[in-house]
């Protein structure tokens, strides 16, 4: 069954969009990531203009993240104090990101920037997550113990930052500046790339802040809800790139899928979750890189079109 998307100016199969929304919601609940790192590329692959895919993608992430965050909250996996600091930074970052998005769109460079950003960020972060998780699994098999990641690495300058706060749920005593800066960075990325930022936020919370994996999943979803809601509002009012029809169908599928993702994620170990997320991130980066490098089979030529019309 086909439906028309007024902002994207195209028709799509409603069941395909429902399946995409459900799959993204499942991943959101499973990994504690909003799923936008996969949603926006999938919408682009389906023919949705990148600017509309970004603006509408943030809207779906809000719904799936709310569903997943509530499930994680009931399990006690949300560090409220950490989440609030991340949210404050994220609100500032998403506002800056939407303004940058608007400027790049006026210059006509936004499509290239979106695709290139995905390739660079997803490739780097996916590689880091897979490498670190495989090392952890090999260390455990060799009998190296299960010492938390944060304690194995020298934190150096991180421990010398001022404004330290005790995060009891995460068992941390660190500077509030660090999660605030992480929040700002994730907010900018969320607005530019149409993502919740979970694929950046989750590794940063694990490897940089040193939070336990179980708490990371719930806290990241809690932060993503508010930051993506702000980005969605700004995209709708400033850039006019939110397709309400597309968003509603994605939201319906995402809210259902997130509940199943949380249940499955509770049965997997943290190292396994990080390996799976890293591999998924790398796969999306490779696909986007191929699309950037391989020329289209039917290149569009404005000169040829004008000549044919004459």
C-alpha atoms as a PDB file:
ATOM      1  CA  UNK A   1       0.000   0.000   0.000  1.00  0.00           C
ATOM      2  CA  UNK A   2       1.497   3.307  -1.114  1.00  0.00           C
ATOM      3  CA  UNK A   3       1.320   6.558   0.843  1.00  0.00           C
ATOM      4  CA  UNK A   4       2.396  10.021  -0.282  1.00  0.00           C
ATOM      5  CA  UNK A   5       4.967  11.978   1.714  1.00  0.00           C
ATOM      6  CA  UNK A   6       4.196  15.699   1.243  1.00  0.00           C
ATOM      7  CA  UNK A   7       7.532  17.143   2.392  1.00  0.00           C
ATOM      8  CA  UNK A   8       9.682  14.474   0.711  1.00  0.00           C
ATOM      9  CA  UNK A   9       7.403  14.753  -2.376  1.00  0.00           C
ATOM     10  CA  UNK A  10       7.371  11.016  -3.098  1.00  0.00           C
ATOM     11  CA  UNK A  11       5.321   7.846  -2.558  1.00  0.00           C
ATOM     12  CA  UNK A  12       6.517   4.892  -0.442  1.00  0.00           C
ATOM     13  CA  UNK A  13       5.197   1.514   0.675  1.00  0.00           C
ATOM     14  CA  UNK A  14       3.736   1.941   4.166  1.00  0.00           C
ATOM     15  CA  UNK A  15       4.697  -1.593   5.236  1.00  0.00           C
ATOM     16  CA  UNK A  16       8.341  -1.005   4.305  1.00  0.00           C
ATOM     17  CA  UNK A  17       8.410   2.160   6.430  1.00  0.00           C
ATOM     18  CA  UNK A  18       6.706   0.325   9.323  1.00  0.00           C
ATOM     19  CA  UNK A  19       9.341  -2.411   9.120  1.00  0.00           C
ATOM     20  CA  UNK A  20      12.142   0.176   9.090  1.00  0.00           C
ATOM     21  CA  UNK A  21      10.649   1.917  12.141  1.00  0.00           C
ATOM     22  CA  UNK A  22      10.228  -1.381  13.992  1.00  0.00           C
ATOM     23  CA  UNK A  23      13.790  -2.444  13.246  1.00  0.00           C
ATOM     24  CA  UNK A  24      15.206   0.881  14.414  1.00  0.00           C
ATOM     25  CA  UNK A  25      13.128   0.723  17.583  1.00  0.00           C
ATOM     26  CA  UNK A  26      14.418  -2.785  18.272  1.00  0.00           C
ATOM     27  CA  UNK A  27      18.019  -1.607  17.920  1.00  0.00           C
ATOM     28  CA  UNK A  28      17.277   1.376  20.152  1.00  0.00           C
ATOM     29  CA  UNK A  29      16.119  -0.849  22.986  1.00  0.00           C
ATOM     30  CA  UNK A  30      18.881  -3.388  22.392  1.00  0.00           C
ATOM     31  CA  UNK A  31      21.906  -1.078  22.297  1.00  0.00           C
ATOM     32  CA  UNK A  32      20.744   2.052  24.134  1.00  0.00           C
ATOM     33  CA  UNK A  33      21.306   4.022  20.926  1.00  0.00           C
ATOM     34  CA  UNK A  34      18.569   6.029  19.256  1.00  0.00           C
ATOM     35  CA  UNK A  35      19.080   4.115  16.007  1.00  0.00           C
ATOM     36  CA  UNK A  36      19.374   7.236  13.871  1.00  0.00           C
ATOM     37  CA  UNK A  37      22.831   6.170  12.657  1.00  0.00           C
ATOM     38  CA  UNK A  38      20.970   3.459  10.729  1.00  0.00           C
ATOM     39  CA  UNK A  39      17.602   5.161  10.133  1.00  0.00           C
ATOM     40  CA  UNK A  40      18.862   8.175   8.193  1.00  0.00           C
ATOM     41  CA  UNK A  41      20.977   6.090   5.764  1.00  0.00           C
ATOM     42  CA  UNK A  42      18.067   3.651   5.283  1.00  0.00           C
ATOM     43  CA  UNK A  43      15.693   6.484   4.413  1.00  0.00           C
ATOM     44  CA  UNK A  44      18.262   7.861   1.981  1.00  0.00           C
ATOM     45  CA  UNK A  45      18.631   4.396   0.422  1.00  0.00           C
ATOM     46  CA  UNK A  46      14.817   4.360  -0.039  1.00  0.00           C
ATOM     47  CA  UNK A  47      15.020   7.630  -1.989  1.00  0.00           C
ATOM     48  CA  UNK A  48      14.071  10.146   0.725  1.00  0.00           C
ATOM     49  CA  UNK A  49      16.047  13.419   0.287  1.00  0.00           C
ATOM     50  CA  UNK A  50      18.895  13.583   2.857  1.00  0.00           C
ATOM     51  CA  UNK A  51      17.674  16.837   4.416  1.00  0.00           C
ATOM     52  CA  UNK A  52      14.188  15.363   4.976  1.00  0.00           C
ATOM     53  CA  UNK A  53      15.679  12.065   6.204  1.00  0.00           C
ATOM     54  CA  UNK A  54      17.667  13.984   8.838  1.00  0.00           C
ATOM     55  CA  UNK A  55      14.792  16.185  10.013  1.00  0.00           C
ATOM     56  CA  UNK A  56      12.226  13.376  10.128  1.00  0.00           C
ATOM     57  CA  UNK A  57      14.656  10.819  11.540  1.00  0.00           C
ATOM     58  CA  UNK A  58      15.093  12.792  14.750  1.00  0.00           C
ATOM     59  CA  UNK A  59      11.340  12.670  15.284  1.00  0.00           C
ATOM     60  CA  UNK A  60      11.204   8.859  15.118  1.00  0.00           C
ATOM     61  CA  UNK A  61      14.181   8.573  17.437  1.00  0.00           C
ATOM     62  CA  UNK A  62      12.265  10.507  20.101  1.00  0.00           C
ATOM     63  CA  UNK A  63       9.470   7.926  20.113  1.00  0.00           C
ATOM     64  CA  UNK A  64      11.641   4.817  20.109  1.00  0.00           C
ATOM     65  CA  UNK A  65      13.951   6.321  22.736  1.00  0.00           C
ATOM     66  CA  UNK A  66      11.033   7.184  25.044  1.00  0.00           C
ATOM     67  CA  UNK A  67       9.807   3.615  24.836  1.00  0.00           C
ATOM     68  CA  UNK A  68      13.275   2.181  25.466  1.00  0.00           C
ATOM     69  CA  UNK A  69      14.107   4.695  28.227  1.00  0.00           C
ATOM     70  CA  UNK A  70      10.955   3.835  30.174  1.00  0.00           C
ATOM     71  CA  UNK A  71      11.802   0.143  30.018  1.00  0.00           C
ATOM     72  CA  UNK A  72      15.382   0.845  31.181  1.00  0.00           C
ATOM     73  CA  UNK A  73      14.107   3.132  33.965  1.00  0.00           C
ATOM     74  CA  UNK A  74      11.985   0.319  35.356  1.00  0.00           C
ATOM     75  CA  UNK A  75      15.127  -1.831  35.484  1.00  0.00           C
ATOM     76  CA  UNK A  76      17.050   0.861  37.403  1.00  0.00           C
ATOM     77  CA  UNK A  77      19.543   1.457  34.589  1.00  0.00           C
ATOM     78  CA  UNK A  78      19.311   5.283  34.421  1.00  0.00           C
ATOM     79  CA  UNK A  79      21.813   7.587  36.161  1.00  0.00           C
ATOM     80  CA  UNK A  80      19.555  10.626  36.550  1.00  0.00           C
ATOM     81  CA  UNK A  81      22.294  13.089  37.587  1.00  0.00           C
ATOM     82  CA  UNK A  82      24.548  12.083  34.696  1.00  0.00           C
ATOM     83  CA  UNK A  83      21.610  12.205  32.305  1.00  0.00           C
ATOM     84  CA  UNK A  84      20.629  15.747  33.297  1.00  0.00           C
ATOM     85  CA  UNK A  85      24.153  17.075  32.698  1.00  0.00           C
ATOM     86  CA  UNK A  86      24.309  15.332  29.337  1.00  0.00           C
ATOM     87  CA  UNK A  87      20.902  16.816  28.431  1.00  0.00           C
ATOM     88  CA  UNK A  88      21.991  20.390  29.243  1.00  0.00           C
ATOM     89  CA  UNK A  89      25.038  20.000  27.014  1.00  0.00           C
ATOM     90  CA  UNK A  90      22.959  18.306  24.329  1.00  0.00           C
ATOM     91  CA  UNK A  91      20.390  21.103  24.183  1.00  0.00           C
ATOM     92  CA  UNK A  92      23.139  23.650  23.579  1.00  0.00           C
ATOM     93  CA  UNK A  93      24.815  21.424  20.982  1.00  0.00           C
ATOM     94  CA  UNK A  94      21.616  20.615  19.066  1.00  0.00           C
ATOM     95  CA  UNK A  95      20.775  24.316  18.797  1.00  0.00           C
ATOM     96  CA  UNK A  96      24.223  25.046  17.357  1.00  0.00           C
ATOM     97  CA  UNK A  97      23.934  22.034  15.046  1.00  0.00           C
ATOM     98  CA  UNK A  98      20.596  23.133  13.551  1.00  0.00           C
ATOM     99  CA  UNK A  99      22.026  26.571  12.782  1.00  0.00           C
ATOM    100  CA  UNK A 100      25.044  24.947  11.105  1.00  0.00           C
ATOM    101  CA  UNK A 101      22.686  22.632   9.166  1.00  0.00           C
ATOM    102  CA  UNK A 102      20.700  25.660   7.935  1.00  0.00           C
ATOM    103  CA  UNK A 103      23.883  27.425   6.811  1.00  0.00           C
ATOM    104  CA  UNK A 104      25.218  24.368   4.941  1.00  0.00           C
ATOM    105  CA  UNK A 105      21.840  23.817   3.268  1.00  0.00           C
ATOM    106  CA  UNK A 106      21.826  27.389   1.976  1.00  0.00           C
ATOM    107  CA  UNK A 107      25.299  26.794   0.511  1.00  0.00           C
ATOM    108  CA  UNK A 108      24.073  23.597  -1.170  1.00  0.00           C
ATOM    109  CA  UNK A 109      26.597  21.322   0.587  1.00  0.00           C
ATOM    110  CA  UNK A 110      24.357  19.599   3.132  1.00  0.00           C
ATOM    111  CA  UNK A 111      23.880  16.268   1.266  1.00  0.00           C
ATOM    112  CA  UNK A 112      27.629  15.729   0.871  1.00  0.00           C
ATOM    113  CA  UNK A 113      28.326  16.775   4.466  1.00  0.00           C
ATOM    114  CA  UNK A 114      25.716  14.324   5.814  1.00  0.00           C
ATOM    115  CA  UNK A 115      27.095  11.352   3.870  1.00  0.00           C
ATOM    116  CA  UNK A 116      30.747  12.171   4.554  1.00  0.00           C
ATOM    117  CA  UNK A 117      30.036  12.677   8.271  1.00  0.00           C
ATOM    118  CA  UNK A 118      28.463   9.232   8.471  1.00  0.00           C
ATOM    119  CA  UNK A 119      31.413   7.567   6.768  1.00  0.00           C
ATOM    120  CA  UNK A 120      34.049   9.226   8.981  1.00  0.00           C
ATOM    121  CA  UNK A 121      32.265   8.963  12.326  1.00  0.00           C
ATOM    122  CA  UNK A 122      30.735   5.534  11.868  1.00  0.00           C
ATOM    123  CA  UNK A 123      33.949   4.069  10.478  1.00  0.00           C
ATOM    124  CA  UNK A 124      36.102   5.395  13.315  1.00  0.00           C
ATOM    125  CA  UNK A 125      33.735   4.645  16.171  1.00  0.00           C
ATOM    126  CA  UNK A 126      32.704   1.243  14.832  1.00  0.00           C
ATOM    127  CA  UNK A 127      36.340   0.218  14.492  1.00  0.00           C
ATOM    128  CA  UNK A 128      37.105   1.368  18.043  1.00  0.00           C
ATOM    129  CA  UNK A 129      34.176  -0.521  19.533  1.00  0.00           C
ATOM    130  CA  UNK A 130      34.894  -3.776  17.704  1.00  0.00           C
ATOM    131  CA  UNK A 131      38.625  -3.670  18.540  1.00  0.00           C
ATOM    132  CA  UNK A 132      38.096  -2.897  22.234  1.00  0.00           C
ATOM    133  CA  UNK A 133      35.318  -5.462  22.659  1.00  0.00           C
ATOM    134  CA  UNK A 134      37.259  -8.241  20.936  1.00  0.00           C
ATOM    135  CA  UNK A 135      40.248  -7.504  23.182  1.00  0.00           C
ATOM    136  CA  UNK A 136      37.971  -7.710  26.218  1.00  0.00           C
ATOM    137  CA  UNK A 137      36.529 -11.058  25.117  1.00  0.00           C
ATOM    138  CA  UNK A 138      40.007 -12.472  24.427  1.00  0.00           C
ATOM    139  CA  UNK A 139      41.244 -11.195  27.798  1.00  0.00           C
ATOM    140  CA  UNK A 140      38.393 -12.956  29.578  1.00  0.00           C
ATOM    141  CA  UNK A 141      39.015 -16.208  27.753  1.00  0.00           C
ATOM    142  CA  UNK A 142      42.690 -15.993  28.711  1.00  0.00           C
ATOM    143  CA  UNK A 143      41.698 -15.535  32.366  1.00  0.00           C
ATOM    144  CA  UNK A 144      42.652 -11.878  32.535  1.00  0.00           C
ATOM    145  CA  UNK A 145      39.730 -10.956  34.781  1.00  0.00           C
ATOM    146  CA  UNK A 146      36.895  -8.493  34.325  1.00  0.00           C
ATOM    147  CA  UNK A 147      38.412  -5.258  35.580  1.00  0.00           C
ATOM    148  CA  UNK A 148      36.295  -2.262  34.491  1.00  0.00           C
ATOM    149  CA  UNK A 149      37.540  -0.454  31.400  1.00  0.00           C
ATOM    150  CA  UNK A 150      37.864   2.874  33.190  1.00  0.00           C
ATOM    151  CA  UNK A 151      40.275   1.398  35.744  1.00  0.00           C
ATOM    152  CA  UNK A 152      42.509  -0.262  33.195  1.00  0.00           C
ATOM    153  CA  UNK A 153      43.331   3.007  31.444  1.00  0.00           C
ATOM    154  CA  UNK A 154      45.233   5.918  32.900  1.00  0.00           C
ATOM    155  CA  UNK A 155      42.757   8.793  33.006  1.00  0.00           C
ATOM    156  CA  UNK A 156      45.432  11.512  33.298  1.00  0.00           C
ATOM    157  CA  UNK A 157      44.027  14.958  32.554  1.00  0.00           C
ATOM    158  CA  UNK A 158      40.448  13.755  33.070  1.00  0.00           C
ATOM    159  CA  UNK A 159      41.014  13.285  36.797  1.00  0.00           C
ATOM    160  CA  UNK A 160      42.482  16.788  37.077  1.00  0.00           C
ATOM    161  CA  UNK A 161      39.407  18.628  35.749  1.00  0.00           C
ATOM    162  CA  UNK A 162      37.532  20.890  38.238  1.00  0.00           C
ATOM    163  CA  UNK A 163      33.838  20.831  39.320  1.00  0.00           C
ATOM    164  CA  UNK A 164      33.840  17.178  40.333  1.00  0.00           C
ATOM    165  CA  UNK A 165      30.483  15.517  41.021  1.00  0.00           C
ATOM    166  CA  UNK A 166      29.713  12.108  42.513  1.00  0.00           C
ATOM    167  CA  UNK A 167      27.517   9.957  40.259  1.00  0.00           C
ATOM    168  CA  UNK A 168      26.383   7.249  42.659  1.00  0.00           C
ATOM    169  CA  UNK A 169      24.477   5.102  40.172  1.00  0.00           C
ATOM    170  CA  UNK A 170      27.530   4.943  37.887  1.00  0.00           C
ATOM    171  CA  UNK A 171      30.005   4.656  40.795  1.00  0.00           C
ATOM    172  CA  UNK A 172      31.974   7.640  39.487  1.00  0.00           C
ATOM    173  CA  UNK A 173      33.519  10.815  40.909  1.00  0.00           C
ATOM    174  CA  UNK A 174      34.476  12.978  37.938  1.00  0.00           C
ATOM    175  CA  UNK A 175      34.237  16.556  36.668  1.00  0.00           C
ATOM    176  CA  UNK A 176      30.790  17.638  35.442  1.00  0.00           C
ATOM    177  CA  UNK A 177      32.559  19.425  32.579  1.00  0.00           C
ATOM    178  CA  UNK A 178      33.351  16.131  30.885  1.00  0.00           C
ATOM    179  CA  UNK A 179      29.756  14.851  30.416  1.00  0.00           C
ATOM    180  CA  UNK A 180      28.669  18.413  29.550  1.00  0.00           C
ATOM    181  CA  UNK A 181      31.210  18.573  26.692  1.00  0.00           C
ATOM    182  CA  UNK A 182      30.189  15.097  25.543  1.00  0.00           C
ATOM    183  CA  UNK A 183      26.570  16.284  25.527  1.00  0.00           C
ATOM    184  CA  UNK A 184      27.399  19.343  23.411  1.00  0.00           C
ATOM    185  CA  UNK A 185      29.276  17.234  20.856  1.00  0.00           C
ATOM    186  CA  UNK A 186      26.453  14.694  20.663  1.00  0.00           C
ATOM    187  CA  UNK A 187      23.893  17.496  20.279  1.00  0.00           C
ATOM    188  CA  UNK A 188      25.714  18.961  17.262  1.00  0.00           C
ATOM    189  CA  UNK A 189      26.034  15.510  15.682  1.00  0.00           C
ATOM    190  CA  UNK A 190      22.355  14.789  16.366  1.00  0.00           C
ATOM    191  CA  UNK A 191      21.218  17.903  14.506  1.00  0.00           C
ATOM    192  CA  UNK A 192      23.600  17.551  11.544  1.00  0.00           C
ATOM    193  CA  UNK A 193      23.176  13.826  10.955  1.00  0.00           C
ATOM    194  CA  UNK A 194      19.589  13.222  12.096  1.00  0.00           C
ATOM    195  CA  UNK A 195      20.653  10.786  14.808  1.00  0.00           C
ATOM    196  CA  UNK A 196      20.136  10.402  18.524  1.00  0.00           C
ATOM    197  CA  UNK A 197      23.904  10.361  18.846  1.00  0.00           C
ATOM    198  CA  UNK A 198      23.893   7.037  20.653  1.00  0.00           C
ATOM    199  CA  UNK A 199      26.615   5.593  18.426  1.00  0.00           C
ATOM    200  CA  UNK A 200      28.870   8.387  19.744  1.00  0.00           C
ATOM    201  CA  UNK A 201      27.375   8.743  23.205  1.00  0.00           C
ATOM    202  CA  UNK A 202      27.497   5.053  24.169  1.00  0.00           C
ATOM    203  CA  UNK A 203      31.241   4.607  23.402  1.00  0.00           C
ATOM    204  CA  UNK A 204      32.034   7.968  25.066  1.00  0.00           C
ATOM    205  CA  UNK A 205      30.178   6.972  28.239  1.00  0.00           C
ATOM    206  CA  UNK A 206      31.910   3.579  28.349  1.00  0.00           C
ATOM    207  CA  UNK A 207      35.471   4.456  27.311  1.00  0.00           C
ATOM    208  CA  UNK A 208      35.779   8.137  28.282  1.00  0.00           C
ATOM    209  CA  UNK A 209      33.533   8.474  31.340  1.00  0.00           C
ATOM    210  CA  UNK A 210      34.052   4.878  32.489  1.00  0.00           C
ATOM    211  CA  UNK A 211      30.375   4.078  33.183  1.00  0.00           C
ATOM    212  CA  UNK A 212      29.104   0.478  33.564  1.00  0.00           C
ATOM    213  CA  UNK A 213      27.586  -0.833  30.317  1.00  0.00           C
ATOM    214  CA  UNK A 214      24.157  -1.577  31.849  1.00  0.00           C
ATOM    215  CA  UNK A 215      23.801   1.994  33.162  1.00  0.00           C
ATOM    216  CA  UNK A 216      25.090   3.423  29.881  1.00  0.00           C
ATOM    217  CA  UNK A 217      22.217   1.901  27.886  1.00  0.00           C
ATOM    218  CA  UNK A 218      19.489   3.464  30.030  1.00  0.00           C
ATOM    219  CA  UNK A 219      21.168   6.831  30.608  1.00  0.00           C
ATOM    220  CA  UNK A 220      21.976   7.334  26.921  1.00  0.00           C
ATOM    221  CA  UNK A 221      18.328   6.732  25.960  1.00  0.00           C
ATOM    222  CA  UNK A 222      17.210   9.185  28.674  1.00  0.00           C
ATOM    223  CA  UNK A 223      19.483  11.869  27.212  1.00  0.00           C
ATOM    224  CA  UNK A 224      18.571  11.082  23.612  1.00  0.00           C
ATOM    225  CA  UNK A 225      14.852  11.673  24.246  1.00  0.00           C
ATOM    226  CA  UNK A 226      15.306  15.336  25.181  1.00  0.00           C
ATOM    227  CA  UNK A 227      18.091  16.233  22.755  1.00  0.00           C
ATOM    228  CA  UNK A 228      16.370  14.748  19.696  1.00  0.00           C
ATOM    229  CA  UNK A 229      13.052  16.338  20.687  1.00  0.00           C
ATOM    230  CA  UNK A 230      14.792  19.720  20.681  1.00  0.00           C
ATOM    231  CA  UNK A 231      16.471  18.983  17.330  1.00  0.00           C
ATOM    232  CA  UNK A 232      13.133  17.891  15.819  1.00  0.00           C
ATOM    233  CA  UNK A 233      11.409  21.106  16.919  1.00  0.00           C
ATOM    234  CA  UNK A 234      14.216  23.257  15.528  1.00  0.00           C
ATOM    235  CA  UNK A 235      14.352  21.359  12.219  1.00  0.00           C
ATOM    236  CA  UNK A 236      10.579  21.762  11.817  1.00  0.00           C
ATOM    237  CA  UNK A 237      10.576  25.495  12.574  1.00  0.00           C
ATOM    238  CA  UNK A 238      13.896  26.580  11.048  1.00  0.00           C
ATOM    239  CA  UNK A 239      14.567  24.181   8.163  1.00  0.00           C
ATOM    240  CA  UNK A 240      11.028  22.826   7.449  1.00  0.00           C
ATOM    241  CA  UNK A 241      12.385  19.312   6.799  1.00  0.00           C
ATOM    242  CA  UNK A 242      10.114  17.199   9.053  1.00  0.00           C
ATOM    243  CA  UNK A 243       7.647  15.047   7.064  1.00  0.00           C
ATOM    244  CA  UNK A 244       4.789  14.391   9.508  1.00  0.00           C
ATOM    245  CA  UNK A 245       3.302  11.479   7.528  1.00  0.00           C
ATOM    246  CA  UNK A 246       6.646   9.669   7.345  1.00  0.00           C
ATOM    247  CA  UNK A 247       7.332  10.436  10.997  1.00  0.00           C
ATOM    248  CA  UNK A 248       3.999   8.996  12.219  1.00  0.00           C
ATOM    249  CA  UNK A 249       4.527   5.679  10.431  1.00  0.00           C
ATOM    250  CA  UNK A 250       8.101   5.399  11.720  1.00  0.00           C
ATOM    251  CA  UNK A 251       7.011   6.263  15.268  1.00  0.00           C
ATOM    252  CA  UNK A 252       4.372   3.519  15.275  1.00  0.00           C
ATOM    253  CA  UNK A 253       6.896   0.863  14.279  1.00  0.00           C
ATOM    254  CA  UNK A 254       9.653   2.236  16.524  1.00  0.00           C
ATOM    255  CA  UNK A 255       7.620   2.311  19.747  1.00  0.00           C
ATOM    256  CA  UNK A 256       6.736  -1.371  19.344  1.00  0.00           C
ATOM    257  CA  UNK A 257      10.204  -2.517  18.311  1.00  0.00           C
ATOM    258  CA  UNK A 258      11.950  -0.835  21.267  1.00  0.00           C
ATOM    259  CA  UNK A 259      10.143  -2.990  23.823  1.00  0.00           C
ATOM    260  CA  UNK A 260      11.384  -6.178  22.194  1.00  0.00           C
ATOM    261  CA  UNK A 261      14.913  -4.764  21.928  1.00  0.00           C
ATOM    262  CA  UNK A 262      15.129  -4.080  25.674  1.00  0.00           C
ATOM    263  CA  UNK A 263      14.069  -7.661  26.474  1.00  0.00           C
ATOM    264  CA  UNK A 264      16.679  -9.163  24.162  1.00  0.00           C
ATOM    265  CA  UNK A 265      19.417  -6.786  25.354  1.00  0.00           C
ATOM    266  CA  UNK A 266      18.873  -7.825  28.978  1.00  0.00           C
ATOM    267  CA  UNK A 267      19.953 -11.366  28.057  1.00  0.00           C
ATOM    268  CA  UNK A 268      23.257 -10.365  26.424  1.00  0.00           C
ATOM    269  CA  UNK A 269      26.584  -9.440  28.033  1.00  0.00           C
ATOM    270  CA  UNK A 270      28.017  -5.946  27.682  1.00  0.00           C
ATOM    271  CA  UNK A 271      30.966  -7.119  25.550  1.00  0.00           C
ATOM    272  CA  UNK A 272      28.628  -8.915  23.155  1.00  0.00           C
ATOM    273  CA  UNK A 273      26.429  -5.836  22.820  1.00  0.00           C
ATOM    274  CA  UNK A 274      29.458  -3.649  22.023  1.00  0.00           C
ATOM    275  CA  UNK A 275      30.717  -6.082  19.357  1.00  0.00           C
ATOM    276  CA  UNK A 276      27.298  -6.257  17.687  1.00  0.00           C
ATOM    277  CA  UNK A 277      26.842  -2.480  17.737  1.00  0.00           C
ATOM    278  CA  UNK A 278      30.368  -1.914  16.410  1.00  0.00           C
ATOM    279  CA  UNK A 279      29.861  -4.354  13.519  1.00  0.00           C
ATOM    280  CA  UNK A 280      26.531  -2.757  12.625  1.00  0.00           C
ATOM    281  CA  UNK A 281      28.071   0.724  12.662  1.00  0.00           C
ATOM    282  CA  UNK A 282      30.934  -0.428  10.417  1.00  0.00           C
ATOM    283  CA  UNK A 283      28.532  -2.059   7.954  1.00  0.00           C
ATOM    284  CA  UNK A 284      26.567   1.178   7.519  1.00  0.00           C
ATOM    285  CA  UNK A 285      29.802   3.167   7.064  1.00  0.00           C
ATOM    286  CA  UNK A 286      31.031   0.786   4.343  1.00  0.00           C
ATOM    287  CA  UNK A 287      27.696   0.997   2.467  1.00  0.00           C
ATOM    288  CA  UNK A 288      27.725   4.801   2.535  1.00  0.00           C
ATOM    289  CA  UNK A 289      31.377   4.902   1.447  1.00  0.00           C
ATOM    290  CA  UNK A 290      30.572   2.663  -1.531  1.00  0.00           C
ATOM    291  CA  UNK A 291      27.671   4.947  -2.498  1.00  0.00           C
ATOM    292  CA  UNK A 292      29.988   7.970  -2.348  1.00  0.00           C
ATOM    293  CA  UNK A 293      32.798   6.413  -4.405  1.00  0.00           C
ATOM    294  CA  UNK A 294      30.913   4.353  -6.990  1.00  0.00           C
ATOM    295  CA  UNK A 295      29.406   6.497  -9.764  1.00  0.00           C
ATOM    296  CA  UNK A 296      25.649   6.082 -10.397  1.00  0.00           C
ATOM    297  CA  UNK A 297      24.571   3.721 -13.194  1.00  0.00           C
ATOM    298  CA  UNK A 298      22.440   6.462 -14.735  1.00  0.00           C
ATOM    299  CA  UNK A 299      24.172   9.798 -14.083  1.00  0.00           C
ATOM    300  CA  UNK A 300      21.937  12.833 -14.418  1.00  0.00           C
ATOM    301  CA  UNK A 301      23.165  15.539 -16.770  1.00  0.00           C
ATOM    302  CA  UNK A 302      21.470  18.917 -16.775  1.00  0.00           C
ATOM    303  CA  UNK A 303      23.112  19.815 -20.091  1.00  0.00           C
ATOM    304  CA  UNK A 304      21.873  16.623 -21.723  1.00  0.00           C
ATOM    305  CA  UNK A 305      18.351  17.208 -20.426  1.00  0.00           C
ATOM    306  CA  UNK A 306      18.277  20.760 -21.798  1.00  0.00           C
ATOM    307  CA  UNK A 307      19.687  19.559 -25.112  1.00  0.00           C
ATOM    308  CA  UNK A 308      17.047  16.844 -25.391  1.00  0.00           C
ATOM    309  CA  UNK A 309      14.296  19.337 -24.619  1.00  0.00           C
ATOM    310  CA  UNK A 310      15.484  21.528 -27.471  1.00  0.00           C
END
